[in-house]
Amino acid sequence: MVGKQQKPEPVYLPSNEPYLGRESVHQFDAVIISCMELNSNIAAYTHRAELSKLQKAACQIIPQGVNLALTIRELVRQGYLFGALVLMRPLIERAATISYLHSNPGEINAWENGWQYRERPSLSKMLNTMSGGVDTSLANQLCSHFNHIVHGDPIGSEWNMVRLSNSGFGYSVGKVTNAPELCDEICIQSFCYLIVLMGMMTACFTDAPHLKERAVGGPWF
């Protein structure tokens, strides 16, 4: 976070957003476009087909994850990077949850019953289903990282620190337009989990003709 931050605009548009031109933002936008196309192709099918329990769960979990990703993208556009970073945690959880249920369909009843405390798997356990159980320490580190950010402890507060015009540091309450590295981290992680959600769309709806022709988009379920 180096350099003096220019006075931010009240509202940024796609033509003048502060991180316009960064490769991470471009890649995030590209994945969003692909995700929305895939969603449109599957949406109509979910209204006319008799869905399995897994598919019904996917109809609830995946759209929430996509909505969170779109919200994160808009927060990046407006320079609210800390808010975008906080929303990474629920985005990751939804990608992990549908991945876990796809790998463990016997757990769907527990999910339908509200993921009661003693029945709910840990986030790190669910994340392991996304990597085939390889290097579980990374899942634990990821959970710890975002737990600090979400719960507002001293470690998490470091992610809201910005350089001030007098060369000191402070904690931002508004837009941050001069933190390209943080922008990159948010966008790269977000589009990675959005790709996971797209993979789960295809995995959960293998019987849908979503790749043959584009259907009219609509609510999932």
Protein backbone atom coordinates (compact mmCIF):
# COMPACT_ATOMS: atom_id res chain seq x y z
CA MET A 1 0.00 0.00 0.00
CA VAL A 2 2.38 2.66 -1.22
CA GLY A 3 1.76 6.15 -2.46
CA LYS A 4 -0.71 8.94 -1.86
CA GLN A 5 -4.32 8.04 -2.43
CA GLN A 6 -6.24 10.37 -4.71
CA LYS A 7 -9.55 11.73 -3.54
CA PRO A 8 -11.99 8.96 -4.47
CA GLU A 9 -15.05 9.41 -6.63
CA PRO A 10 -18.43 9.11 -4.86
CA VAL A 11 -19.37 6.34 -7.31
CA TYR A 12 -17.06 4.59 -9.74
CA LEU A 13 -18.24 3.33 -13.13
CA PRO A 14 -16.73 0.51 -15.21
CA SER A 15 -14.96 3.19 -17.24
CA ASN A 16 -13.10 4.83 -14.35
CA GLU A 17 -12.89 2.30 -11.52
CA PRO A 18 -9.63 2.57 -9.56
CA TYR A 19 -8.20 -0.85 -10.45
CA LEU A 20 -9.24 -0.81 -14.10
CA GLY A 21 -6.66 -2.54 -16.28
CA ARG A 22 -5.28 -4.94 -13.69
CA GLU A 23 -5.01 -8.50 -14.98
CA SER A 24 -6.65 -9.92 -11.86
CA VAL A 25 -9.72 -7.75 -12.40
CA HIS A 26 -9.86 -8.71 -16.07
CA GLN A 27 -9.70 -12.42 -15.24
CA PHE A 28 -12.37 -12.05 -12.56
CA ASP A 29 -14.67 -10.34 -15.07
CA ALA A 30 -14.05 -13.07 -17.65
CA VAL A 31 -14.98 -15.80 -15.17
CA ILE A 32 -18.10 -13.87 -14.12
CA ILE A 33 -19.26 -13.72 -17.75
CA SER A 34 -18.72 -17.45 -18.22
CA CYS A 35 -20.44 -18.21 -14.91
CA MET A 36 -23.53 -16.17 -15.78
CA GLU A 37 -23.79 -17.88 -19.17
CA LEU A 38 -23.60 -21.30 -17.56
CA ASN A 39 -26.14 -20.28 -14.92
CA SER A 40 -28.55 -19.13 -17.65
CA ASN A 41 -28.21 -22.42 -19.46
CA ILE A 42 -29.01 -24.45 -16.34
CA ALA A 43 -31.66 -22.18 -14.81
CA ALA A 44 -34.62 -23.18 -16.97
CA TYR A 45 -33.84 -26.87 -16.52
CA THR A 46 -34.17 -26.58 -12.75
CA HIS A 47 -37.76 -25.38 -13.15
CA ARG A 48 -38.98 -28.26 -15.28
CA ALA A 49 -37.00 -31.23 -14.00
CA GLU A 50 -37.60 -33.43 -10.97
CA LEU A 51 -34.55 -32.63 -8.90
CA SER A 52 -32.57 -34.83 -6.55
CA LYS A 53 -31.77 -33.74 -3.01
CA LEU A 54 -28.27 -32.79 -4.09
CA GLN A 55 -29.63 -30.71 -6.95
CA LYS A 56 -32.08 -28.94 -4.64
CA ALA A 57 -29.21 -28.12 -2.30
CA ALA A 58 -27.18 -26.85 -5.25
CA CYS A 59 -30.10 -24.63 -6.27
CA GLN A 60 -29.83 -22.87 -2.92
CA ILE A 61 -26.10 -22.85 -2.26
CA ILE A 62 -24.60 -22.07 -5.66
CA PRO A 63 -26.66 -18.95 -6.47
CA GLN A 64 -25.77 -17.52 -3.06
CA GLY A 65 -22.10 -18.05 -3.86
CA VAL A 66 -22.43 -16.42 -7.27
CA ASN A 67 -24.27 -13.48 -5.70
CA LEU A 68 -21.46 -13.04 -3.18
CA ALA A 69 -18.87 -13.10 -5.97
CA LEU A 70 -20.77 -10.40 -7.87
CA THR A 71 -21.01 -8.34 -4.68
CA ILE A 72 -17.27 -8.69 -4.13
CA ARG A 73 -16.65 -7.51 -7.68
CA GLU A 74 -18.78 -4.42 -7.16
CA LEU A 75 -17.03 -3.64 -3.87
CA VAL A 76 -13.68 -3.86 -5.67
CA ARG A 77 -15.02 -1.48 -8.31
CA GLN A 78 -16.00 1.01 -5.62
CA GLY A 79 -12.75 0.63 -3.68
CA TYR A 80 -14.24 -1.04 -0.62
CA LEU A 81 -11.55 -3.68 -0.45
CA PHE A 82 -11.87 -4.62 3.20
CA GLY A 83 -15.59 -5.29 2.80
CA ALA A 84 -14.81 -7.41 -0.26
CA LEU A 85 -12.21 -9.33 1.74
CA VAL A 86 -14.70 -10.06 4.53
CA LEU A 87 -17.20 -11.45 2.00
CA MET A 88 -14.56 -13.87 0.78
CA ARG A 89 -15.25 -16.05 3.82
CA PRO A 90 -18.93 -16.80 3.03
CA LEU A 91 -18.06 -17.23 -0.66
CA ILE A 92 -15.45 -19.84 0.25
CA GLU A 93 -17.87 -21.55 2.62
CA ARG A 94 -20.52 -21.96 -0.07
CA ALA A 95 -18.04 -23.34 -2.58
CA ALA A 96 -16.76 -25.73 0.07
CA THR A 97 -20.25 -26.76 1.22
CA ILE A 98 -21.56 -27.78 -2.19
CA SER A 99 -18.25 -29.55 -2.92
CA TYR A 100 -18.54 -31.45 0.35
CA LEU A 101 -22.16 -32.44 -0.28
CA HIS A 102 -21.30 -33.57 -3.79
CA SER A 103 -18.54 -35.77 -2.40
CA ASN A 104 -20.62 -36.90 0.59
CA PRO A 105 -24.27 -37.15 -0.52
CA GLY A 106 -25.13 -38.99 2.70
CA GLU A 107 -24.63 -35.67 4.54
CA ILE A 108 -27.42 -33.87 2.67
CA ASN A 109 -30.01 -34.75 5.33
CA ALA A 110 -27.85 -33.08 7.98
CA TRP A 111 -27.56 -30.01 5.76
CA GLU A 112 -31.33 -29.95 5.20
CA ASN A 113 -31.80 -30.07 8.98
CA GLY A 114 -29.86 -26.83 9.34
CA TRP A 115 -26.29 -28.05 9.84
CA GLN A 116 -26.73 -28.48 13.59
CA TYR A 117 -23.57 -27.69 15.52
CA ARG A 118 -22.51 -31.27 16.24
CA GLU A 119 -23.40 -32.46 12.73
CA ARG A 120 -21.82 -29.65 10.75
CA PRO A 121 -18.36 -30.46 9.34
CA SER A 122 -15.62 -27.90 9.84
CA LEU A 123 -14.80 -25.57 6.99
CA SER A 124 -11.33 -27.08 6.69
CA LYS A 125 -12.87 -30.55 6.32
CA MET A 126 -15.19 -29.31 3.59
CA LEU A 127 -12.33 -27.51 1.85
CA ASN A 128 -10.40 -30.77 1.69
CA THR A 129 -13.03 -32.17 -0.68
CA MET A 130 -12.03 -29.48 -3.17
CA SER A 131 -8.42 -30.65 -3.25
CA GLY A 132 -8.85 -34.38 -2.95
CA GLY A 133 -7.47 -34.23 0.58
CA VAL A 134 -4.02 -33.12 -0.62
CA ASP A 135 -2.06 -30.98 1.88
CA THR A 136 -4.77 -30.43 4.47
CA SER A 137 -2.57 -27.87 6.24
CA LEU A 138 -3.38 -25.37 3.49
CA ALA A 139 -7.08 -25.69 4.24
CA ASN A 140 -6.41 -25.06 7.92
CA GLN A 141 -4.28 -22.02 7.11
CA LEU A 142 -6.98 -20.60 4.85
CA CYS A 143 -9.61 -21.01 7.55
CA SER A 144 -7.39 -19.34 10.14
CA HIS A 145 -6.60 -16.48 7.76
CA PHE A 146 -10.23 -15.60 7.11
CA ASN A 147 -11.33 -16.22 10.68
CA HIS A 148 -8.98 -13.44 11.75
CA ILE A 149 -10.42 -11.11 9.12
CA VAL A 150 -14.06 -11.87 9.92
CA HIS A 151 -13.82 -11.82 13.71
CA GLY A 152 -12.09 -8.46 14.03
CA ASP A 153 -9.07 -9.43 16.09
CA PRO A 154 -5.72 -7.58 15.97
CA ILE A 155 -4.33 -9.81 13.20
CA GLY A 156 -7.40 -9.20 11.04
CA SER A 157 -7.15 -5.44 11.54
CA GLU A 158 -3.91 -5.40 9.58
CA TRP A 159 -5.92 -5.94 6.40
CA ASN A 160 -7.70 -2.62 6.92
CA MET A 161 -4.50 -0.60 7.41
CA VAL A 162 -3.63 2.03 4.80
CA ARG A 163 -0.81 4.49 4.28
CA LEU A 164 -1.81 8.07 5.05
CA SER A 165 -0.73 11.19 3.18
CA ASN A 166 1.64 12.17 6.00
CA SER A 167 3.52 8.86 5.57
CA GLY A 168 1.89 7.39 8.66
CA PHE A 169 -0.65 4.59 8.80
CA GLY A 170 -4.28 4.41 9.78
CA TYR A 171 -7.35 2.21 9.48
CA SER A 172 -9.62 2.96 6.58
CA VAL A 173 -13.34 3.61 6.99
CA GLY A 174 -14.02 4.12 3.27
CA LYS A 175 -12.69 3.57 -0.21
CA VAL A 176 -9.12 2.39 -0.77
CA THR A 177 -7.90 3.10 -4.27
CA ASN A 178 -4.14 2.56 -3.94
CA ALA A 179 -3.82 -1.04 -2.81
CA PRO A 180 -3.27 -3.03 -6.02
CA GLU A 181 -1.79 -6.06 -4.25
CA LEU A 182 -4.86 -6.43 -2.04
CA CYS A 183 -7.08 -5.96 -5.08
CA ASP A 184 -5.19 -8.78 -6.81
CA GLU A 185 -5.54 -11.14 -3.85
CA ILE A 186 -9.28 -10.55 -3.62
CA CYS A 187 -9.92 -10.93 -7.34
CA ILE A 188 -7.71 -13.99 -7.82
CA GLN A 189 -9.18 -15.86 -4.88
CA SER A 190 -12.72 -14.84 -5.82
CA PHE A 191 -12.52 -16.07 -9.39
CA CYS A 192 -10.91 -19.32 -8.21
CA TYR A 193 -13.89 -20.08 -5.96
CA LEU A 194 -16.29 -18.93 -8.65
CA ILE A 195 -14.68 -21.52 -10.93
CA VAL A 196 -15.32 -24.12 -8.22
CA LEU A 197 -18.99 -23.13 -8.17
CA MET A 198 -19.13 -23.46 -11.95
CA GLY A 199 -17.60 -26.91 -11.68
CA MET A 200 -20.26 -27.85 -9.14
CA MET A 201 -22.99 -26.56 -11.45
CA THR A 202 -21.83 -28.98 -14.10
CA ALA A 203 -21.21 -31.83 -11.65
CA CYS A 204 -24.61 -31.52 -9.98
CA PHE A 205 -26.58 -31.12 -13.21
CA THR A 206 -24.94 -33.62 -15.52
CA ASP A 207 -28.37 -34.46 -16.98
CA ALA A 208 -29.14 -30.87 -18.00
CA PRO A 209 -28.70 -29.91 -21.66
CA HIS A 210 -26.89 -26.77 -20.56
CA LEU A 211 -24.07 -27.06 -23.08
CA LYS A 212 -26.25 -27.58 -26.13
CA GLU A 213 -28.04 -24.27 -26.29
CA ARG A 214 -28.52 -21.27 -24.10
CA ALA A 215 -31.83 -21.15 -22.27
CA VAL A 216 -33.55 -18.07 -20.91
CA GLY A 217 -32.09 -17.25 -17.51
CA GLY A 218 -34.14 -17.07 -14.36
CA PRO A 219 -34.24 -18.10 -10.72
CA TRP A 220 -32.61 -21.40 -9.98
CA PHE A 221 -35.36 -22.97 -8.00
